[in-house]
Amino acid sequence: MAEPTSDIAGSLVPTQKVQAQILLEAGYLWMDLGKFEKAKDVLTGAAALMPKSEVPHLALGTLEFSQGRHEKALQSYRAAQKLAPKSGLPRAHVGEALLFLGKVPEAMKELKAACDVEPGGDGARLAKALIEAKEVGALPPPGKQKKK
């Protein structure tokens, strides 16, 4: 059976889910290889192709976060949050970035909201792990709080 013309709602060109996954995985592969500019190019392209999807913005946030650019990561995660306000994962990542920026009260608010929005989802699991890590003093690591 043939796949529908476009699985990704709001794509600028007809995009099937498998094509979007390959594109995003290419961005993560470049990131894993330390080719951050290439990863950014691919993920920025994915965000442009899928303007209504939060997933490329989460990936861009992960790219920035992996380089210690927590403020830029926060911006990407906030963009994802605007696209998917009822998803817990963007909120959890916003909370994570805020923790590393030293904005603990705001971070905890976002992490708790991630748990409330989708109690059984990936965002809630990440948020709970981050809350627990913060409570035991593991987050954020010393010297990482305000790096931009």
Protein backbone atom coordinates (compact mmCIF):
# COMPACT_ATOMS: atom_id res chain seq x y z
CA MET A 1 0.00 0.00 0.00
CA ALA A 2 1.37 3.43 -0.96
CA GLU A 3 2.00 6.03 1.72
CA PRO A 4 -0.14 9.16 1.66
CA THR A 5 1.26 12.15 -0.21
CA SER A 6 2.13 13.97 3.01
CA ASP A 7 2.21 12.63 6.55
CA ILE A 8 3.64 15.83 8.00
CA ALA A 9 0.88 18.42 8.31
CA GLY A 10 1.80 21.87 7.12
CA SER A 11 4.91 20.78 5.21
CA LEU A 12 6.00 23.18 2.49
CA VAL A 13 6.52 20.21 0.17
CA PRO A 14 4.79 16.83 0.45
CA THR A 15 6.76 15.05 3.15
CA GLN A 16 6.26 11.50 4.30
CA LYS A 17 7.09 10.59 7.88
CA VAL A 18 10.01 8.40 6.84
CA GLN A 19 11.55 11.25 4.83
CA ALA A 20 11.26 13.61 7.77
CA GLN A 21 12.85 11.01 10.06
CA ILE A 22 15.78 10.54 7.69
CA LEU A 23 16.31 14.28 7.45
CA LEU A 24 16.27 14.71 11.23
CA GLU A 25 18.50 11.67 11.74
CA ALA A 26 21.00 13.20 9.30
CA GLY A 27 21.10 16.29 11.50
CA TYR A 28 21.69 14.18 14.62
CA LEU A 29 24.38 12.19 12.82
CA TRP A 30 26.26 15.38 11.90
CA MET A 31 25.88 16.48 15.52
CA ASP A 32 27.27 13.18 16.80
CA LEU A 33 30.22 13.55 14.42
CA GLY A 34 30.94 17.01 15.80
CA LYS A 35 30.04 18.70 12.52
CA PHE A 36 27.85 21.28 14.21
CA GLU A 37 27.49 23.70 11.29
CA LYS A 38 26.35 20.90 8.97
CA ALA A 39 23.94 19.67 11.63
CA LYS A 40 22.57 23.18 12.02
CA ASP A 41 22.12 23.54 8.25
CA VAL A 42 20.19 20.26 8.03
CA LEU A 43 18.03 20.94 11.07
CA THR A 44 17.32 24.53 10.04
CA GLY A 45 16.25 23.18 6.66
CA ALA A 46 13.99 20.65 8.36
CA ALA A 47 12.40 23.43 10.41
CA ALA A 48 11.79 25.43 7.23
CA LEU A 49 10.29 22.43 5.43
CA MET A 50 8.04 21.55 8.38
CA PRO A 51 7.05 24.93 9.84
CA LYS A 52 4.22 23.48 11.94
CA SER A 53 6.29 20.73 13.56
CA GLU A 54 8.03 21.22 16.88
CA VAL A 55 10.45 18.34 16.27
CA PRO A 56 13.09 20.21 14.23
CA HIS A 57 13.11 22.97 16.85
CA LEU A 58 13.69 20.41 19.60
CA ALA A 59 16.59 19.04 17.55
CA LEU A 60 18.03 22.53 17.05
CA GLY A 61 17.74 23.09 20.79
CA THR A 62 19.58 19.84 21.44
CA LEU A 63 22.31 20.94 19.04
CA GLU A 64 22.77 24.23 20.88
CA PHE A 65 22.53 22.59 24.30
CA SER A 66 25.19 20.02 23.37
CA GLN A 67 27.58 22.90 22.69
CA GLY A 68 26.82 24.61 25.99
CA ARG A 69 24.80 27.37 24.36
CA HIS A 70 21.95 27.19 26.83
CA GLU A 71 20.36 30.54 25.95
CA LYS A 72 20.17 29.60 22.26
CA ALA A 73 18.88 26.17 23.21
CA LEU A 74 16.18 27.84 25.28
CA GLN A 75 15.12 29.91 22.28
CA SER A 76 14.74 26.79 20.12
CA TYR A 77 12.89 24.93 22.85
CA ARG A 78 10.54 27.90 23.31
CA ALA A 79 9.84 27.86 19.55
CA ALA A 80 8.96 24.17 19.85
CA GLN A 81 6.77 24.93 22.86
CA LYS A 82 4.80 27.52 20.86
CA LEU A 83 4.17 24.97 18.10
CA ALA A 84 3.10 22.23 20.52
CA PRO A 85 1.72 23.89 23.67
CA LYS A 86 0.02 20.68 24.81
CA SER A 87 3.19 18.59 24.57
CA GLY A 88 5.27 17.92 27.65
CA LEU A 89 8.58 17.35 25.85
CA PRO A 90 9.21 20.96 24.79
CA ARG A 91 8.35 22.11 28.32
CA ALA A 92 10.76 19.60 29.84
CA HIS A 93 13.55 20.80 27.57
CA VAL A 94 12.72 24.44 28.39
CA GLY A 95 13.03 23.49 32.06
CA GLU A 96 16.35 21.78 31.43
CA ALA A 97 17.79 24.84 29.66
CA LEU A 98 16.53 27.10 32.43
CA LEU A 99 18.23 24.90 35.05
CA PHE A 100 21.54 25.27 33.25
CA LEU A 101 21.01 29.02 33.02
CA GLY A 102 20.60 29.15 36.80
CA LYS A 103 16.92 30.09 36.64
CA VAL A 104 15.80 27.41 39.06
CA PRO A 105 12.32 28.64 40.12
CA GLU A 106 11.29 29.17 36.49
CA ALA A 107 12.83 25.82 35.53
CA MET A 108 10.94 23.94 38.23
CA LYS A 109 7.68 25.57 37.12
CA GLU A 110 8.24 24.36 33.54
CA LEU A 111 9.27 20.88 34.65
CA LYS A 112 6.17 20.50 36.82
CA ALA A 113 4.02 21.77 33.94
CA ALA A 114 5.59 19.14 31.66
CA CYS A 115 4.43 16.48 34.11
CA ASP A 116 0.94 17.95 34.25
CA VAL A 117 0.46 18.38 30.49
CA GLU A 118 1.27 14.77 29.56
CA PRO A 119 1.60 12.74 32.78
CA GLY A 120 2.63 9.50 31.07
CA GLY A 121 4.64 10.98 28.22
CA ASP A 122 8.31 11.31 27.40
CA GLY A 123 8.30 14.92 28.55
CA ALA A 124 7.02 13.94 31.99
CA ARG A 125 9.66 11.22 32.31
CA LEU A 126 12.42 13.66 31.37
CA ALA A 127 11.01 16.33 33.68
CA LYS A 128 10.81 13.91 36.62
CA ALA A 129 14.41 12.81 36.04
CA LEU A 130 15.56 16.44 35.92
CA ILE A 131 13.63 17.33 39.08
CA GLU A 132 15.12 14.34 40.89
CA ALA A 133 18.63 15.19 39.67
CA LYS A 134 18.20 18.77 40.88
CA GLU A 135 16.92 17.62 44.27
CA VAL A 136 19.97 15.41 44.85
CA GLY A 137 22.32 18.18 43.75
CA ALA A 138 23.43 16.66 40.46
CA LEU A 139 22.14 19.49 38.25
CA PRO A 140 23.37 21.70 36.93
CA PRO A 141 27.01 20.66 37.07
CA PRO A 142 29.34 23.29 38.58
CA GLY A 143 30.49 25.89 36.07
CA LYS A 144 27.77 25.11 33.53
CA GLN A 145 24.97 27.32 34.80
CA LYS A 146 25.37 30.49 32.78
CA LYS A 147 27.39 29.57 29.72
CA LYS A 148 26.04 31.20 26.54
